[in-house]
PDB file of N, CA and C in Angstrom:
ATOM      1  N   MET A   1       0.842  -1.183   0.000  1.00  0.00           N
ATOM      2  CA  MET A   1       0.000   0.000   0.000  1.00  0.00           C
ATOM      3  C   MET A   1       0.888   1.247   0.000  1.00  0.00           C
ATOM      4  N   THR A   2       0.617   2.168  -0.908  1.00  0.00           N
ATOM      5  CA  THR A   2       1.399   3.380  -1.033  1.00  0.00           C
ATOM      6  C   THR A   2       0.947   4.411  -0.007  1.00  0.00           C
ATOM      7  N   LYS A   3       1.922   5.025   0.615  1.00  0.00           N
ATOM      8  CA  LYS A   3       1.644   6.044   1.615  1.00  0.00           C
ATOM      9  C   LYS A   3       1.267   7.356   0.912  1.00  0.00           C
ATOM     10  N   PRO A   4       0.186   8.030   1.344  1.00  0.00           N
ATOM     11  CA  PRO A   4      -0.162   9.311   0.717  1.00  0.00           C
ATOM     12  C   PRO A   4       0.885  10.367   1.044  1.00  0.00           C
ATOM     13  N   PRO A   5       1.043  11.347   0.182  1.00  0.00           N
ATOM     14  CA  PRO A   5       2.048  12.381   0.448  1.00  0.00           C
ATOM     15  C   PRO A   5       1.670  13.173   1.698  1.00  0.00           C
ATOM     16  N   ALA A   6       2.660  13.534   2.481  1.00  0.00           N
ATOM     17  CA  ALA A   6       2.428  14.337   3.672  1.00  0.00           C
ATOM     18  C   ALA A   6       2.130  15.774   3.256  1.00  0.00           C
ATOM     19  N   ILE A   7       1.233  16.402   3.995  1.00  0.00           N
ATOM     20  CA  ILE A   7       0.875  17.786   3.687  1.00  0.00           C
ATOM     21  C   ILE A   7       1.061  18.655   4.922  1.00  0.00           C
ATOM     22  N   ALA A   8       1.185  19.923   4.697  1.00  0.00           N
ATOM     23  CA  ALA A   8       1.352  20.885   5.781  1.00  0.00           C
ATOM     24  C   ALA A   8       0.587  22.153   5.437  1.00  0.00           C
ATOM     25  N   VAL A   9       0.353  22.966   6.434  1.00  0.00           N
ATOM     26  CA  VAL A   9      -0.317  24.245   6.227  1.00  0.00           C
ATOM     27  C   VAL A   9       0.737  25.339   6.180  1.00  0.00           C
ATOM     28  N   SER A  10       0.573  26.245   5.239  1.00  0.00           N
ATOM     29  CA  SER A  10       1.457  27.401   5.137  1.00  0.00           C
ATOM     30  C   SER A  10       0.611  28.660   5.322  1.00  0.00           C
ATOM     31  N   TYR A  11       1.120  29.596   6.105  1.00  0.00           N
ATOM     32  CA  TYR A  11       0.421  30.864   6.322  1.00  0.00           C
ATOM     33  C   TYR A  11       1.069  31.998   5.532  1.00  0.00           C
ATOM     34  N   LYS A  12       1.846  31.666   4.523  1.00  0.00           N
ATOM     35  CA  LYS A  12       2.462  32.700   3.684  1.00  0.00           C
ATOM     36  C   LYS A  12       1.427  33.658   3.091  1.00  0.00           C
ATOM     37  N   PRO A  13       0.260  33.162   2.668  1.00  0.00           N
ATOM     38  CA  PRO A  13      -0.744  34.108   2.159  1.00  0.00           C
ATOM     39  C   PRO A  13      -1.158  35.158   3.201  1.00  0.00           C
ATOM     40  N   LEU A  14      -1.177  34.780   4.477  1.00  0.00           N
ATOM     41  CA  LEU A  14      -1.510  35.738   5.542  1.00  0.00           C
ATOM     42  C   LEU A  14      -0.456  36.833   5.608  1.00  0.00           C
ATOM     43  N   TRP A  15       0.801  36.447   5.588  1.00  0.00           N
ATOM     44  CA  TRP A  15       1.870  37.446   5.693  1.00  0.00           C
ATOM     45  C   TRP A  15       1.889  38.364   4.472  1.00  0.00           C
ATOM     46  N   LYS A  16       1.596  37.806   3.295  1.00  0.00           N
ATOM     47  CA  LYS A  16       1.518  38.636   2.089  1.00  0.00           C
ATOM     48  C   LYS A  16       0.357  39.613   2.183  1.00  0.00           C
ATOM     49  N   LEU A  17      -0.771  39.139   2.725  1.00  0.00           N
ATOM     50  CA  LEU A  17      -1.944  39.999   2.889  1.00  0.00           C
ATOM     51  C   LEU A  17      -1.647  41.144   3.858  1.00  0.00           C
ATOM     52  N   LEU A  18      -0.954  40.838   4.939  1.00  0.00           N
ATOM     53  CA  LEU A  18      -0.590  41.895   5.884  1.00  0.00           C
ATOM     54  C   LEU A  18       0.314  42.929   5.220  1.00  0.00           C
ATOM     55  N   ILE A  19       1.269  42.479   4.433  1.00  0.00           N
ATOM     56  CA  ILE A  19       2.164  43.407   3.728  1.00  0.00           C
ATOM     57  C   ILE A  19       1.360  44.278   2.767  1.00  0.00           C
ATOM     58  N   ASP A  20       0.459  43.663   2.003  1.00  0.00           N
ATOM     59  CA  ASP A  20      -0.368  44.409   1.052  1.00  0.00           C
ATOM     60  C   ASP A  20      -1.207  45.475   1.746  1.00  0.00           C
ATOM     61  N   ARG A  21      -1.631  45.186   2.969  1.00  0.00           N
ATOM     62  CA  ARG A  21      -2.473  46.127   3.723  1.00  0.00           C
ATOM     63  C   ARG A  21      -1.651  47.015   4.655  1.00  0.00           C
ATOM     64  N   GLU A  22      -0.343  46.925   4.528  1.00  0.00           N
ATOM     65  CA  GLU A  22       0.591  47.713   5.330  1.00  0.00           C
ATOM     66  C   GLU A  22       0.338  47.525   6.827  1.00  0.00           C
ATOM     67  N   LEU A  23       0.160  46.266   7.217  1.00  0.00           N
ATOM     68  CA  LEU A  23      -0.038  45.894   8.616  1.00  0.00           C
ATOM     69  C   LEU A  23       1.131  45.050   9.091  1.00  0.00           C
ATOM     70  N   GLN A  24       1.372  45.073  10.389  1.00  0.00           N
ATOM     71  CA  GLN A  24       2.409  44.243  10.993  1.00  0.00           C
ATOM     72  C   GLN A  24       1.759  43.186  11.872  1.00  0.00           C
ATOM     73  N   LYS A  25       2.566  42.242  12.324  1.00  0.00           N
ATOM     74  CA  LYS A  25       2.054  41.178  13.189  1.00  0.00           C
ATOM     75  C   LYS A  25       1.438  41.755  14.464  1.00  0.00           C
ATOM     76  N   GLN A  26       2.029  42.828  14.987  1.00  0.00           N
ATOM     77  CA  GLN A  26       1.488  43.454  16.192  1.00  0.00           C
ATOM     78  C   GLN A  26       0.097  44.019  15.919  1.00  0.00           C
ATOM     79  N   ASP A  27      -0.111  44.564  14.730  1.00  0.00           N
ATOM     80  CA  ASP A  27      -1.428  45.074  14.354  1.00  0.00           C
ATOM     81  C   ASP A  27      -2.448  43.938  14.323  1.00  0.00           C
ATOM     82  N   LEU A  28      -2.032  42.802  13.782  1.00  0.00           N
ATOM     83  CA  LEU A  28      -2.910  41.633  13.732  1.00  0.00           C
ATOM     84  C   LEU A  28      -3.269  41.184  15.147  1.00  0.00           C
ATOM     85  N   ARG A  29      -2.302  41.185  16.044  1.00  0.00           N
ATOM     86  CA  ARG A  29      -2.562  40.825  17.447  1.00  0.00           C
ATOM     87  C   ARG A  29      -3.616  41.727  18.057  1.00  0.00           C
ATOM     88  N   LYS A  30      -3.462  43.023  17.855  1.00  0.00           N
ATOM     89  CA  LYS A  30      -4.413  43.980  18.422  1.00  0.00           C
ATOM     90  C   LYS A  30      -5.799  43.817  17.813  1.00  0.00           C
ATOM     91  N   MET A  31      -5.859  43.582  16.519  1.00  0.00           N
ATOM     92  CA  MET A  31      -7.142  43.454  15.819  1.00  0.00           C
ATOM     93  C   MET A  31      -7.910  42.195  16.228  1.00  0.00           C
ATOM     94  N   THR A  32      -7.172  41.142  16.562  1.00  0.00           N
ATOM     95  CA  THR A  32      -7.797  39.846  16.824  1.00  0.00           C
ATOM     96  C   THR A  32      -7.848  39.474  18.301  1.00  0.00           C
ATOM     97  N   GLY A  33      -6.981  40.064  19.112  1.00  0.00           N
ATOM     98  CA  GLY A  33      -6.893  39.684  20.510  1.00  0.00           C
ATOM     99  C   GLY A  33      -6.136  38.381  20.723  1.00  0.00           C
ATOM    100  N   LEU A  34      -5.435  37.923  19.697  1.00  0.00           N
ATOM    101  CA  LEU A  34      -4.669  36.682  19.805  1.00  0.00           C
ATOM    102  C   LEU A  34      -3.406  36.917  20.621  1.00  0.00           C
ATOM    103  N   SER A  35      -2.918  35.862  21.238  1.00  0.00           N
ATOM    104  CA  SER A  35      -1.694  35.959  22.042  1.00  0.00           C
ATOM    105  C   SER A  35      -0.466  35.993  21.134  1.00  0.00           C
ATOM    106  N   GLY A  36       0.613  36.465  21.707  1.00  0.00           N
ATOM    107  CA  GLY A  36       1.884  36.456  20.991  1.00  0.00           C
ATOM    108  C   GLY A  36       2.316  35.043  20.635  1.00  0.00           C
ATOM    109  N   ALA A  37       1.995  34.089  21.512  1.00  0.00           N
ATOM    110  CA  ALA A  37       2.351  32.689  21.255  1.00  0.00           C
ATOM    111  C   ALA A  37       1.618  32.153  20.026  1.00  0.00           C
ATOM    112  N   THR A  38       0.356  32.547  19.872  1.00  0.00           N
ATOM    113  CA  THR A  38      -0.412  32.093  18.701  1.00  0.00           C
ATOM    114  C   THR A  38       0.139  32.708  17.424  1.00  0.00           C
ATOM    115  N   ILE A  39       0.492  33.983  17.472  1.00  0.00           N
ATOM    116  CA  ILE A  39       1.087  34.640  16.301  1.00  0.00           C
ATOM    117  C   ILE A  39       2.406  33.955  15.956  1.00  0.00           C
ATOM    118  N   ALA A  40       3.170  33.587  16.977  1.00  0.00           N
ATOM    119  CA  ALA A  40       4.444  32.880  16.755  1.00  0.00           C
ATOM    120  C   ALA A  40       4.195  31.523  16.100  1.00  0.00           C
ATOM    121  N   LYS A  41       3.170  30.812  16.534  1.00  0.00           N
ATOM    122  CA  LYS A  41       2.838  29.522  15.917  1.00  0.00           C
ATOM    123  C   LYS A  41       2.505  29.708  14.443  1.00  0.00           C
ATOM    124  N   LEU A  42       1.767  30.749  14.125  1.00  0.00           N
ATOM    125  CA  LEU A  42       1.454  31.036  12.723  1.00  0.00           C
ATOM    126  C   LEU A  42       2.739  31.312  11.942  1.00  0.00           C
ATOM    127  N   GLY A  43       3.663  32.031  12.562  1.00  0.00           N
ATOM    128  CA  GLY A  43       4.937  32.346  11.919  1.00  0.00           C
ATOM    129  C   GLY A  43       5.779  31.122  11.637  1.00  0.00           C
ATOM    130  N   ARG A  44       5.578  30.062  12.431  1.00  0.00           N
ATOM    131  CA  ARG A  44       6.315  28.808  12.234  1.00  0.00           C
ATOM    132  C   ARG A  44       5.494  27.783  11.450  1.00  0.00           C
ATOM    133  N   ASP A  45       4.366  28.214  10.894  1.00  0.00           N
ATOM    134  CA  ASP A  45       3.463  27.336  10.124  1.00  0.00           C
ATOM    135  C   ASP A  45       3.003  26.131  10.949  1.00  0.00           C
ATOM    136  N   GLU A  46       2.775  26.352  12.233  1.00  0.00           N
ATOM    137  CA  GLU A  46       2.279  25.289  13.096  1.00  0.00           C
ATOM    138  C   GLU A  46       0.749  25.297  13.082  1.00  0.00           C
ATOM    139  N   ASN A  47       0.165  24.213  13.571  1.00  0.00           N
ATOM    140  CA  ASN A  47      -1.286  24.106  13.605  1.00  0.00           C
ATOM    141  C   ASN A  47      -1.885  25.057  14.637  1.00  0.00           C
ATOM    142  N   VAL A  48      -2.979  25.689  14.246  1.00  0.00           N
ATOM    143  CA  VAL A  48      -3.777  26.518  15.150  1.00  0.00           C
ATOM    144  C   VAL A  48      -5.227  26.092  14.985  1.00  0.00           C
ATOM    145  N   THR A  49      -6.080  26.505  15.901  1.00  0.00           N
ATOM    146  CA  THR A  49      -7.484  26.101  15.829  1.00  0.00           C
ATOM    147  C   THR A  49      -8.215  26.868  14.737  1.00  0.00           C
ATOM    148  N   THR A  50      -9.331  26.319  14.327  1.00  0.00           N
ATOM    149  CA  THR A  50     -10.153  27.028  13.346  1.00  0.00           C
ATOM    150  C   THR A  50     -10.707  28.310  13.944  1.00  0.00           C
ATOM    151  N   THR A  51     -10.885  28.353  15.247  1.00  0.00           N
ATOM    152  CA  THR A  51     -11.343  29.577  15.907  1.00  0.00           C
ATOM    153  C   THR A  51     -10.353  30.710  15.666  1.00  0.00           C
ATOM    154  N   VAL A  52      -9.073  30.409  15.737  1.00  0.00           N
ATOM    155  CA  VAL A  52      -8.028  31.404  15.470  1.00  0.00           C
ATOM    156  C   VAL A  52      -8.124  31.887  14.029  1.00  0.00           C
ATOM    157  N   LEU A  53      -8.273  30.952  13.108  1.00  0.00           N
ATOM    158  CA  LEU A  53      -8.364  31.325  11.690  1.00  0.00           C
ATOM    159  C   LEU A  53      -9.595  32.183  11.420  1.00  0.00           C
ATOM    160  N   VAL A  54     -10.706  31.855  12.054  1.00  0.00           N
ATOM    161  CA  VAL A  54     -11.939  32.637  11.877  1.00  0.00           C
ATOM    162  C   VAL A  54     -11.757  34.048  12.438  1.00  0.00           C
ATOM    163  N   LYS A  55     -11.112  34.186  13.594  1.00  0.00           N
ATOM    164  CA  LYS A  55     -10.851  35.516  14.165  1.00  0.00           C
ATOM    165  C   LYS A  55     -10.036  36.367  13.187  1.00  0.00           C
ATOM    166  N   ILE A  56      -9.034  35.753  12.582  1.00  0.00           N
ATOM    167  CA  ILE A  56      -8.195  36.481  11.620  1.00  0.00           C
ATOM    168  C   ILE A  56      -9.019  36.896  10.415  1.00  0.00           C
ATOM    169  N   CYS A  57      -9.822  35.978   9.900  1.00  0.00           N
ATOM    170  CA  CYS A  57     -10.662  36.282   8.737  1.00  0.00           C
ATOM    171  C   CYS A  57     -11.647  37.410   9.039  1.00  0.00           C
ATOM    172  N   GLU A  58     -12.241  37.373  10.223  1.00  0.00           N
ATOM    173  CA  GLU A  58     -13.174  38.436  10.605  1.00  0.00           C
ATOM    174  C   GLU A  58     -12.462  39.783  10.717  1.00  0.00           C
ATOM    175  N   ALA A  59     -11.284  39.790  11.332  1.00  0.00           N
ATOM    176  CA  ALA A  59     -10.536  41.032  11.519  1.00  0.00           C
ATOM    177  C   ALA A  59     -10.075  41.627  10.190  1.00  0.00           C
ATOM    178  N   LEU A  60      -9.686  40.759   9.270  1.00  0.00           N
ATOM    179  CA  LEU A  60      -9.166  41.225   7.980  1.00  0.00           C
ATOM    180  C   LEU A  60     -10.235  41.251   6.884  1.00  0.00           C
ATOM    181  N   ASP A  61     -11.449  40.827   7.235  1.00  0.00           N
ATOM    182  CA  ASP A  61     -12.560  40.771   6.282  1.00  0.00           C
ATOM    183  C   ASP A  61     -12.149  40.010   5.019  1.00  0.00           C
ATOM    184  N   CYS A  62     -11.747  38.761   5.242  1.00  0.00           N
ATOM    185  CA  CYS A  62     -11.290  37.935   4.133  1.00  0.00           C
ATOM    186  C   CYS A  62     -11.767  36.498   4.318  1.00  0.00           C
ATOM    187  N   ASP A  63     -11.468  35.658   3.367  1.00  0.00           N
ATOM    188  CA  ASP A  63     -11.823  34.249   3.393  1.00  0.00           C
ATOM    189  C   ASP A  63     -10.622  33.447   3.902  1.00  0.00           C
ATOM    190  N   ILE A  64     -10.892  32.259   4.411  1.00  0.00           N
ATOM    191  CA  ILE A  64      -9.810  31.425   4.949  1.00  0.00           C
ATOM    192  C   ILE A  64      -8.757  31.099   3.889  1.00  0.00           C
ATOM    193  N   ALA A  65      -9.174  30.986   2.641  1.00  0.00           N
ATOM    194  CA  ALA A  65      -8.227  30.701   1.557  1.00  0.00           C
ATOM    195  C   ALA A  65      -7.281  31.880   1.311  1.00  0.00           C
ATOM    196  N   ASP A  66      -7.641  33.058   1.828  1.00  0.00           N
ATOM    197  CA  ASP A  66      -6.778  34.228   1.671  1.00  0.00           C
ATOM    198  C   ASP A  66      -5.633  34.255   2.681  1.00  0.00           C
ATOM    199  N   ILE A  67      -5.706  33.387   3.719  1.00  0.00           N
ATOM    200  CA  ILE A  67      -4.694  33.457   4.772  1.00  0.00           C
ATOM    201  C   ILE A  67      -3.884  32.177   4.942  1.00  0.00           C
ATOM    202  N   CYS A  68      -4.314  31.079   4.329  1.00  0.00           N
ATOM    203  CA  CYS A  68      -3.530  29.850   4.459  1.00  0.00           C
ATOM    204  C   CYS A  68      -3.702  28.973   3.227  1.00  0.00           C
ATOM    205  N   GLU A  69      -2.769  28.044   3.087  1.00  0.00           N
ATOM    206  CA  GLU A  69      -2.839  27.097   1.982  1.00  0.00           C
ATOM    207  C   GLU A  69      -2.255  25.772   2.448  1.00  0.00           C
ATOM    208  N   VAL A  70      -2.712  24.710   1.836  1.00  0.00           N
ATOM    209  CA  VAL A  70      -2.204  23.374   2.146  1.00  0.00           C
ATOM    210  C   VAL A  70      -1.200  23.010   1.063  1.00  0.00           C
ATOM    211  N   VAL A  71      -0.006  22.627   1.503  1.00  0.00           N
ATOM    212  CA  VAL A  71       1.064  22.298   0.548  1.00  0.00           C
ATOM    213  C   VAL A  71       1.703  20.967   0.937  1.00  0.00           C
ATOM    214  N   PRO A  72       2.188  20.215  -0.054  1.00  0.00           N
ATOM    215  CA  PRO A  72       2.939  18.998   0.276  1.00  0.00           C
ATOM    216  C   PRO A  72       4.192  19.384   1.064  1.00  0.00           C
ATOM    217  N   THR A  73       4.577  18.577   2.019  1.00  0.00           N
ATOM    218  CA  THR A  73       5.735  18.924   2.845  1.00  0.00           C
ATOM    219  C   THR A  73       7.010  19.022   2.030  1.00  0.00           C
ATOM    220  N   GLU A  74       7.131  18.249   0.952  1.00  0.00           N
ATOM    221  CA  GLU A  74       8.327  18.367   0.098  1.00  0.00           C
ATOM    222  C   GLU A  74       8.396  19.749  -0.515  1.00  0.00           C
ATOM    223  N   MET A  75       7.251  20.265  -0.962  1.00  0.00           N
ATOM    224  CA  MET A  75       7.199  21.591  -1.580  1.00  0.00           C
ATOM    225  C   MET A  75       7.470  22.658  -0.525  1.00  0.00           C
ATOM    226  N   LYS A  76       6.949  22.479   0.673  1.00  0.00           N
ATOM    227  CA  LYS A  76       7.150  23.431   1.752  1.00  0.00           C
ATOM    228  C   LYS A  76       8.633  23.558   2.084  1.00  0.00           C
ATOM    229  N   ARG A  77       9.347  22.440   2.140  1.00  0.00           N
ATOM    230  CA  ARG A  77      10.776  22.463   2.439  1.00  0.00           C
ATOM    231  C   ARG A  77      11.549  23.232   1.371  1.00  0.00           C
ATOM    232  N   GLU A  78      11.112  23.117   0.113  1.00  0.00           N
ATOM    233  CA  GLU A  78      11.801  23.780  -0.984  1.00  0.00           C
ATOM    234  C   GLU A  78      11.612  25.293  -0.919  1.00  0.00           C
ATOM    235  N   THR A  79      10.438  25.770  -0.437  1.00  0.00           N
ATOM    236  CA  THR A  79      10.155  27.200  -0.431  1.00  0.00           C
ATOM    237  C   THR A  79      10.596  27.880   0.840  1.00  0.00           C
ATOM    238  N   ASP A  80      10.930  27.139   1.891  1.00  0.00           N
ATOM    239  CA  ASP A  80      11.363  27.751   3.153  1.00  0.00           C
ATOM    240  C   ASP A  80      12.804  28.176   3.103  1.00  0.00           C
TER     241      ASP A  80
END
């Protein structure tokens, strides 16, 4: 049986969106009320709850696809 490719979440679209809107991570923290630890997890492309993602989407008035993407881990390693 062949193992399916491993996938990971990337938050690069979120960081690009913040740059486009001339916002910083601290601005996102203030807008959402998220902790510094949660922002750090996003910066390391670690898993966060859907509640966190929804808070970000509400604060930035965007869709979840605008802030994250699912990528194969091989591709993620190449772009990091």
